[in-house]
C-alpha cells in the first residue's frame, strides 16, 4: 500500500466495509448478513488494546527545539530539507551503521509520515514529527 497512495486507508476502509451513513463520530455501522452492525471506537480499543483516548496537543517545547539545541532534523537528515517517505525508506534500507534506536525512529517516522498521514506522493516528512521523536517514549505514547 505504501507505494500506491491512491489506495489510501480511507479507500481500503470503504472497500472492506459496506458503510451506512450516520452522524456519530466514533461509530461505524455496516451491513453484515443483511443486518446493520455497530462497531465503535470503544470496541476497537477493547479488541486491540490500543490507546484510543483523545489526543492532547503536544507541548510547545516538544515541537520547537530550544535555542541552545541543534534542531533534531539535522541529526536525522542533515541539511536536506526535502526528505520524503521514499527517501526515508531508502535511507532505512541502506543504513548499516545506524544504532537500533535510530532505526526504530526512522521506521516510526516512515510509518507516521509515509503511510498514516500521507496525502500525496512525494509528501515531505514533517519537522514537527521529527522534533517529537527526539523523545521516543513520548512519540510512542501518542494514540
N, C-alpha and C. Protein backbone atom coordinates (compact mmCIF):
# COMPACT_ATOMS: atom_id res chain seq x y z
N UNK A 1 0.81 -1.20 0.00
CA UNK A 1 0.00 0.00 0.00
C UNK A 1 0.85 1.26 0.00
N UNK A 2 2.07 1.17 0.58
CA UNK A 2 2.90 2.37 0.70
C UNK A 2 3.23 2.97 -0.65
N UNK A 3 3.53 2.13 -1.63
CA UNK A 3 3.96 2.65 -2.93
C UNK A 3 2.79 3.03 -3.83
N UNK A 4 1.56 2.82 -3.39
CA UNK A 4 0.38 3.17 -4.17
C UNK A 4 -0.54 4.04 -3.32
N UNK A 5 -0.23 5.35 -3.20
CA UNK A 5 -1.01 6.21 -2.31
C UNK A 5 -2.47 6.35 -2.73
N UNK A 6 -2.80 5.97 -3.97
CA UNK A 6 -4.19 6.03 -4.38
C UNK A 6 -5.04 5.06 -3.56
N UNK A 7 -4.40 4.00 -3.06
CA UNK A 7 -5.09 3.04 -2.19
C UNK A 7 -4.91 3.49 -0.75
N UNK A 8 -5.50 4.62 -0.41
CA UNK A 8 -5.32 5.16 0.93
C UNK A 8 -6.09 4.33 1.95
N UNK A 9 -5.83 4.62 3.20
CA UNK A 9 -6.50 3.87 4.25
C UNK A 9 -8.01 4.09 4.22
N UNK A 10 -8.46 5.26 3.79
CA UNK A 10 -9.91 5.50 3.69
C UNK A 10 -10.54 4.64 2.60
N UNK A 11 -9.85 4.51 1.47
CA UNK A 11 -10.37 3.69 0.39
C UNK A 11 -10.43 2.22 0.82
N UNK A 12 -9.35 1.76 1.45
CA UNK A 12 -9.33 0.37 1.92
C UNK A 12 -10.43 0.15 2.95
N UNK A 13 -10.62 1.11 3.82
CA UNK A 13 -11.66 1.01 4.84
C UNK A 13 -13.03 0.93 4.18
N UNK A 14 -13.27 1.76 3.17
CA UNK A 14 -14.56 1.75 2.48
C UNK A 14 -14.78 0.43 1.75
N UNK A 15 -13.72 -0.09 1.12
CA UNK A 15 -13.86 -1.33 0.39
C UNK A 15 -14.11 -2.52 1.32
N UNK A 16 -13.54 -2.48 2.52
CA UNK A 16 -13.71 -3.58 3.46
C UNK A 16 -15.07 -3.56 4.15
N UNK A 17 -15.69 -2.41 4.20
CA UNK A 17 -16.99 -2.31 4.88
C UNK A 17 -18.01 -1.71 3.93
N UNK A 18 -19.21 -2.14 4.09
CA UNK A 18 -20.31 -1.53 3.36
C UNK A 18 -20.97 -0.60 4.35
N UNK A 19 -20.50 0.63 4.37
CA UNK A 19 -20.89 1.57 5.41
C UNK A 19 -22.28 2.13 5.22
N UNK A 20 -22.90 2.42 6.36
CA UNK A 20 -24.14 3.18 6.40
C UNK A 20 -23.79 4.59 6.83
N UNK A 21 -24.50 5.56 6.30
CA UNK A 21 -24.22 6.95 6.65
C UNK A 21 -24.87 7.26 8.00
N UNK A 22 -24.03 7.67 8.97
CA UNK A 22 -24.52 8.03 10.29
C UNK A 22 -23.85 9.33 10.72
N UNK A 23 -24.40 9.96 11.76
CA UNK A 23 -23.86 11.23 12.24
C UNK A 23 -22.91 11.08 13.43
N UNK A 24 -22.86 9.93 14.04
CA UNK A 24 -22.00 9.74 15.21
C UNK A 24 -20.55 9.62 14.77
N UNK A 25 -19.68 10.35 15.47
CA UNK A 25 -18.29 10.48 15.04
C UNK A 25 -17.45 9.23 15.30
N UNK A 26 -17.69 8.53 16.39
CA UNK A 26 -16.81 7.42 16.77
C UNK A 26 -17.48 6.06 16.63
N UNK A 27 -18.37 5.94 15.65
CA UNK A 27 -19.02 4.67 15.39
C UNK A 27 -19.04 4.39 13.89
N UNK A 28 -18.95 3.12 13.56
CA UNK A 28 -19.13 2.67 12.18
C UNK A 28 -20.33 1.74 12.17
N UNK A 29 -21.17 1.91 11.21
CA UNK A 29 -22.28 0.99 11.00
C UNK A 29 -22.12 0.41 9.62
N UNK A 30 -22.21 -0.88 9.51
CA UNK A 30 -22.11 -1.50 8.20
C UNK A 30 -23.07 -2.68 8.13
N UNK A 31 -23.32 -3.11 6.91
CA UNK A 31 -24.25 -4.21 6.67
C UNK A 31 -23.46 -5.52 6.67
N UNK A 32 -23.88 -6.45 7.49
CA UNK A 32 -23.26 -7.77 7.52
C UNK A 32 -24.39 -8.79 7.60
N UNK A 33 -24.47 -9.64 6.62
CA UNK A 33 -25.53 -10.65 6.59
C UNK A 33 -26.91 -10.03 6.47
N UNK A 34 -26.98 -8.86 5.84
CA UNK A 34 -28.26 -8.19 5.66
C UNK A 34 -28.75 -7.41 6.87
N UNK A 35 -27.96 -7.36 7.93
CA UNK A 35 -28.35 -6.67 9.15
C UNK A 35 -27.33 -5.57 9.47
N UNK A 36 -27.79 -4.43 10.01
CA UNK A 36 -26.84 -3.38 10.41
C UNK A 36 -26.08 -3.79 11.68
N UNK A 37 -24.78 -3.53 11.67
CA UNK A 37 -23.91 -3.86 12.79
C UNK A 37 -23.14 -2.61 13.19
N UNK A 38 -23.03 -2.36 14.50
CA UNK A 38 -22.29 -1.19 15.00
C UNK A 38 -20.91 -1.62 15.48
N UNK A 39 -19.90 -0.84 15.11
CA UNK A 39 -18.54 -1.03 15.61
C UNK A 39 -18.05 0.31 16.10
N UNK A 40 -17.82 0.43 17.39
CA UNK A 40 -17.45 1.72 17.98
C UNK A 40 -15.96 1.79 18.29
N UNK A 41 -15.51 2.99 18.55
CA UNK A 41 -14.12 3.21 18.93
C UNK A 41 -13.82 2.50 20.25
N UNK A 42 -14.80 2.47 21.14
CA UNK A 42 -14.63 1.77 22.42
C UNK A 42 -14.37 0.28 22.19
N UNK A 43 -15.15 -0.34 21.31
CA UNK A 43 -14.95 -1.76 21.00
C UNK A 43 -13.59 -1.99 20.34
N UNK A 44 -13.19 -1.08 19.46
CA UNK A 44 -11.89 -1.18 18.82
C UNK A 44 -10.78 -1.15 19.86
N UNK A 45 -10.89 -0.24 20.85
CA UNK A 45 -9.89 -0.13 21.91
C UNK A 45 -9.85 -1.41 22.74
N UNK A 46 -11.00 -1.99 23.04
CA UNK A 46 -11.05 -3.22 23.84
C UNK A 46 -10.42 -4.38 23.07
N UNK A 47 -10.72 -4.49 21.80
CA UNK A 47 -10.23 -5.61 20.99
C UNK A 47 -8.72 -5.52 20.75
N UNK A 48 -8.25 -4.32 20.39
CA UNK A 48 -6.84 -4.17 20.02
C UNK A 48 -5.93 -3.86 21.20
N UNK A 49 -6.49 -3.31 22.28
CA UNK A 49 -5.67 -2.90 23.41
C UNK A 49 -4.95 -1.59 23.18
N UNK A 50 -5.29 -0.90 22.09
CA UNK A 50 -4.64 0.37 21.77
C UNK A 50 -5.26 1.50 22.58
N UNK A 51 -4.47 2.55 22.79
CA UNK A 51 -4.94 3.73 23.49
C UNK A 51 -5.75 4.58 22.51
N UNK A 52 -7.05 4.64 22.70
CA UNK A 52 -7.92 5.38 21.78
C UNK A 52 -8.52 6.62 22.44
N UNK A 53 -7.87 7.10 23.49
CA UNK A 53 -8.34 8.31 24.16
C UNK A 53 -8.04 9.51 23.27
N UNK A 54 -8.72 10.62 23.49
CA UNK A 54 -8.44 11.82 22.67
C UNK A 54 -6.98 12.23 22.79
N UNK A 55 -6.44 12.71 21.70
CA UNK A 55 -5.04 13.13 21.66
C UNK A 55 -4.94 14.54 22.19
N UNK A 56 -4.13 14.72 23.21
CA UNK A 56 -3.88 16.07 23.70
C UNK A 56 -2.76 16.66 22.84
N UNK A 57 -2.84 17.96 22.57
CA UNK A 57 -1.79 18.54 21.74
C UNK A 57 -0.43 18.42 22.44
N UNK A 58 0.62 18.16 21.66
CA UNK A 58 1.94 18.02 22.28
C UNK A 58 2.39 19.36 22.87
N UNK A 59 3.20 19.31 23.91
CA UNK A 59 3.70 20.56 24.49
C UNK A 59 4.46 21.37 23.44
N UNK A 60 4.35 22.68 23.53
CA UNK A 60 5.01 23.55 22.54
C UNK A 60 6.51 23.32 22.50
N UNK A 61 7.10 23.08 23.67
CA UNK A 61 8.55 22.86 23.70
C UNK A 61 8.95 21.57 23.00
N UNK A 62 7.98 20.66 22.82
CA UNK A 62 8.25 19.41 22.12
C UNK A 62 8.33 19.65 20.60
N UNK A 63 7.56 20.62 20.10
CA UNK A 63 7.51 20.88 18.67
C UNK A 63 8.65 21.78 18.19
N UNK A 64 9.13 22.61 19.05
CA UNK A 64 10.21 23.53 18.68
C UNK A 64 11.43 23.22 19.54
N UNK A 65 12.59 23.23 18.92
CA UNK A 65 13.77 22.97 19.72
C UNK A 65 14.18 24.23 20.47
N UNK A 66 14.87 24.05 21.57
CA UNK A 66 15.32 25.17 22.39
C UNK A 66 16.43 25.91 21.65
N UNK A 67 16.58 27.21 21.93
CA UNK A 67 17.60 27.99 21.20
C UNK A 67 19.02 27.42 21.32
N UNK A 68 19.33 26.80 22.46
CA UNK A 68 20.69 26.29 22.62
C UNK A 68 20.88 24.91 22.00
N UNK A 69 19.80 24.28 21.53
CA UNK A 69 19.88 22.95 20.93
C UNK A 69 19.90 23.02 19.41
N UNK A 70 20.54 22.04 18.81
CA UNK A 70 20.50 21.89 17.35
C UNK A 70 19.19 21.21 17.01
N UNK A 71 18.44 21.69 16.00
CA UNK A 71 17.20 21.01 15.64
C UNK A 71 17.45 19.53 15.34
N UNK A 72 16.54 18.70 15.80
CA UNK A 72 16.70 17.25 15.65
C UNK A 72 16.67 16.83 14.18
N UNK A 73 16.11 17.66 13.34
CA UNK A 73 16.08 17.40 11.90
C UNK A 73 17.49 17.18 11.37
N UNK A 74 18.46 18.00 11.85
CA UNK A 74 19.83 17.88 11.37
C UNK A 74 20.49 16.59 11.84
N UNK A 75 20.08 16.07 12.99
CA UNK A 75 20.59 14.78 13.46
C UNK A 75 20.14 13.68 12.52
N UNK A 76 18.94 13.81 12.02
CA UNK A 76 18.37 12.79 11.14
C UNK A 76 18.80 12.94 9.69
N UNK A 77 18.66 14.13 9.16
CA UNK A 77 18.76 14.31 7.71
C UNK A 77 19.79 15.34 7.26
N UNK A 78 20.52 15.93 8.16
CA UNK A 78 21.49 16.95 7.78
C UNK A 78 20.79 18.18 7.23
N UNK A 79 21.29 18.71 6.15
CA UNK A 79 20.71 19.93 5.57
C UNK A 79 19.64 19.67 4.52
N UNK A 80 19.33 18.43 4.25
CA UNK A 80 18.33 18.08 3.25
C UNK A 80 16.94 18.47 3.75
N UNK A 81 16.33 19.45 3.11
CA UNK A 81 15.01 19.96 3.51
C UNK A 81 13.87 19.20 2.85
N UNK A 82 14.16 18.39 1.84
CA UNK A 82 13.11 17.72 1.06
C UNK A 82 13.13 16.21 1.26
N UNK A 83 13.02 15.78 2.49
CA UNK A 83 13.02 14.35 2.77
C UNK A 83 11.58 13.85 2.68
N UNK A 84 11.37 12.89 1.79
CA UNK A 84 10.04 12.30 1.61
C UNK A 84 10.04 10.89 2.19
N UNK A 85 8.88 10.27 2.20
CA UNK A 85 8.79 8.90 2.66
C UNK A 85 9.64 7.97 1.83
N UNK A 86 9.70 8.22 0.53
CA UNK A 86 10.50 7.37 -0.36
C UNK A 86 11.99 7.47 0.00
N UNK A 87 12.47 8.70 0.23
CA UNK A 87 13.88 8.88 0.61
C UNK A 87 14.16 8.23 1.95
N UNK A 88 13.23 8.38 2.88
CA UNK A 88 13.41 7.80 4.20
C UNK A 88 13.46 6.28 4.14
N UNK A 89 12.64 5.70 3.28
CA UNK A 89 12.66 4.24 3.11
C UNK A 89 14.01 3.78 2.58
N UNK A 90 14.56 4.48 1.60
CA UNK A 90 15.87 4.14 1.04
C UNK A 90 16.94 4.29 2.11
N UNK A 91 16.87 5.37 2.89
CA UNK A 91 17.86 5.59 3.95
C UNK A 91 17.81 4.46 4.98
N UNK A 92 16.60 4.03 5.32
CA UNK A 92 16.44 2.97 6.31
C UNK A 92 16.96 1.63 5.79
N UNK A 93 16.70 1.34 4.53
CA UNK A 93 17.16 0.08 3.94
C UNK A 93 18.68 0.03 3.80
N UNK A 94 19.29 1.16 3.47
CA UNK A 94 20.73 1.17 3.19
C UNK A 94 21.58 1.46 4.42
N UNK A 95 20.96 1.78 5.54
CA UNK A 95 21.73 2.16 6.72
C UNK A 95 22.26 0.92 7.44
N UNK A 96 23.54 0.72 7.36
CA UNK A 96 24.17 -0.43 8.01
C UNK A 96 24.76 -0.04 9.36
N UNK A 97 25.17 1.22 9.52
CA UNK A 97 25.88 1.63 10.73
C UNK A 97 25.01 2.46 11.69
N UNK A 98 23.70 2.40 11.55
CA UNK A 98 22.83 3.12 12.47
C UNK A 98 22.57 2.28 13.71
N UNK A 99 22.39 2.95 14.84
CA UNK A 99 22.04 2.24 16.06
C UNK A 99 20.60 1.74 15.94
N UNK A 100 20.25 0.77 16.76
CA UNK A 100 18.90 0.22 16.69
C UNK A 100 17.85 1.26 17.09
N UNK A 101 18.20 2.18 18.00
CA UNK A 101 17.26 3.23 18.39
C UNK A 101 16.98 4.16 17.21
N UNK A 102 18.02 4.52 16.48
CA UNK A 102 17.82 5.39 15.31
C UNK A 102 17.02 4.68 14.23
N UNK A 103 17.24 3.39 14.05
CA UNK A 103 16.45 2.64 13.06
C UNK A 103 14.98 2.62 13.45
N UNK A 104 14.70 2.47 14.74
CA UNK A 104 13.31 2.50 15.21
C UNK A 104 12.70 3.87 14.96
N UNK A 105 13.47 4.93 15.22
CA UNK A 105 12.97 6.29 14.99
C UNK A 105 12.70 6.53 13.50
N UNK A 106 13.61 6.08 12.64
CA UNK A 106 13.39 6.20 11.19
C UNK A 106 12.11 5.45 10.80
N UNK A 107 11.97 4.23 11.31
CA UNK A 107 10.80 3.42 10.97
C UNK A 107 9.51 4.08 11.46
N UNK A 108 9.53 4.65 12.65
CA UNK A 108 8.34 5.33 13.18
C UNK A 108 7.96 6.52 12.30
N UNK A 109 8.95 7.30 11.91
CA UNK A 109 8.67 8.44 11.02
C UNK A 109 8.13 7.96 9.69
N UNK A 110 8.68 6.87 9.18
CA UNK A 110 8.21 6.34 7.91
C UNK A 110 6.76 5.88 8.01
N UNK A 111 6.41 5.21 9.10
CA UNK A 111 5.03 4.75 9.27
C UNK A 111 4.08 5.93 9.42
N UNK A 112 4.45 6.89 10.26
CA UNK A 112 3.54 8.02 10.53
C UNK A 112 3.44 8.95 9.32
N UNK A 113 4.58 9.45 8.84
CA UNK A 113 4.53 10.44 7.75
C UNK A 113 4.48 9.82 6.37
N UNK A 114 4.96 8.61 6.23
CA UNK A 114 4.97 7.98 4.92
C UNK A 114 3.74 7.15 4.62
N UNK A 115 2.99 6.77 5.65
CA UNK A 115 1.84 5.91 5.43
C UNK A 115 0.56 6.47 6.05
N UNK A 116 0.56 6.68 7.35
CA UNK A 116 -0.67 7.09 8.04
C UNK A 116 -1.12 8.51 7.69
N UNK A 117 -0.19 9.46 7.65
CA UNK A 117 -0.54 10.86 7.40
C UNK A 117 -0.34 11.27 5.94
N UNK A 118 0.01 10.35 5.11
CA UNK A 118 0.34 10.64 3.72
C UNK A 118 -0.90 11.09 2.94
N UNK A 119 -0.76 12.20 2.24
CA UNK A 119 -1.87 12.71 1.43
C UNK A 119 -1.57 12.63 -0.06
N UNK A 120 -0.28 12.57 -0.41
CA UNK A 120 0.08 12.50 -1.82
C UNK A 120 1.48 11.90 -1.96
N UNK A 121 1.83 11.54 -3.18
CA UNK A 121 3.16 11.04 -3.46
C UNK A 121 4.15 12.18 -3.28
N UNK A 122 5.28 11.90 -2.69
CA UNK A 122 6.31 12.93 -2.53
C UNK A 122 6.07 13.88 -1.37
N UNK A 123 5.16 13.53 -0.47
CA UNK A 123 4.90 14.39 0.69
C UNK A 123 6.11 14.37 1.62
N UNK A 124 6.52 15.54 2.09
CA UNK A 124 7.71 15.66 2.94
C UNK A 124 7.42 15.20 4.37
N UNK A 125 8.46 14.72 5.02
CA UNK A 125 8.40 14.39 6.44
C UNK A 125 8.26 15.71 7.20
N UNK A 126 7.36 15.74 8.17
CA UNK A 126 7.13 16.98 8.92
C UNK A 126 8.22 17.20 9.96
N UNK A 127 8.71 18.42 10.04
CA UNK A 127 9.76 18.74 11.01
C UNK A 127 9.24 18.62 12.43
N UNK A 128 7.95 18.90 12.63
CA UNK A 128 7.37 18.79 13.97
C UNK A 128 7.42 17.34 14.46
N UNK A 129 7.15 16.40 13.56
CA UNK A 129 7.22 14.99 13.94
C UNK A 129 8.65 14.58 14.27
N UNK A 130 9.59 15.15 13.54
CA UNK A 130 10.99 14.84 13.80
C UNK A 130 11.41 15.36 15.17
N UNK A 131 10.93 16.55 15.54
CA UNK A 131 11.24 17.07 16.88
C UNK A 131 10.57 16.22 17.96
N UNK A 132 9.34 15.75 17.70
CA UNK A 132 8.63 14.94 18.69
C UNK A 132 9.30 13.59 18.91
N UNK A 133 9.94 13.06 17.88
CA UNK A 133 10.55 11.73 18.00
C UNK A 133 11.88 11.78 18.75
N UNK A 134 12.32 12.96 19.09
CA UNK A 134 13.51 13.09 19.94
C UNK A 134 13.30 12.29 21.22
N UNK A 135 12.08 12.36 21.77
CA UNK A 135 11.70 11.55 22.93
C UNK A 135 10.84 10.40 22.42
N UNK A 136 11.45 9.27 22.15
CA UNK A 136 10.77 8.13 21.53
C UNK A 136 9.63 7.60 22.40
N UNK A 137 9.80 7.59 23.72
CA UNK A 137 8.74 7.11 24.60
C UNK A 137 7.49 7.98 24.47
N UNK A 138 7.69 9.30 24.42
CA UNK A 138 6.54 10.21 24.24
C UNK A 138 5.88 9.96 22.88
N UNK A 139 6.69 9.85 21.85
CA UNK A 139 6.17 9.65 20.50
C UNK A 139 5.32 8.38 20.42
N UNK A 140 5.80 7.30 21.04
CA UNK A 140 5.09 6.04 21.01
C UNK A 140 3.84 6.03 21.91
N UNK A 141 3.76 6.98 22.84
CA UNK A 141 2.59 7.04 23.73
C UNK A 141 1.41 7.74 23.07
N UNK A 142 1.63 8.39 21.94
CA UNK A 142 0.53 9.08 21.26
C UNK A 142 -0.36 8.05 20.60
N UNK A 143 -1.69 8.14 20.85
CA UNK A 143 -2.61 7.13 20.26
C UNK A 143 -2.54 7.07 18.75
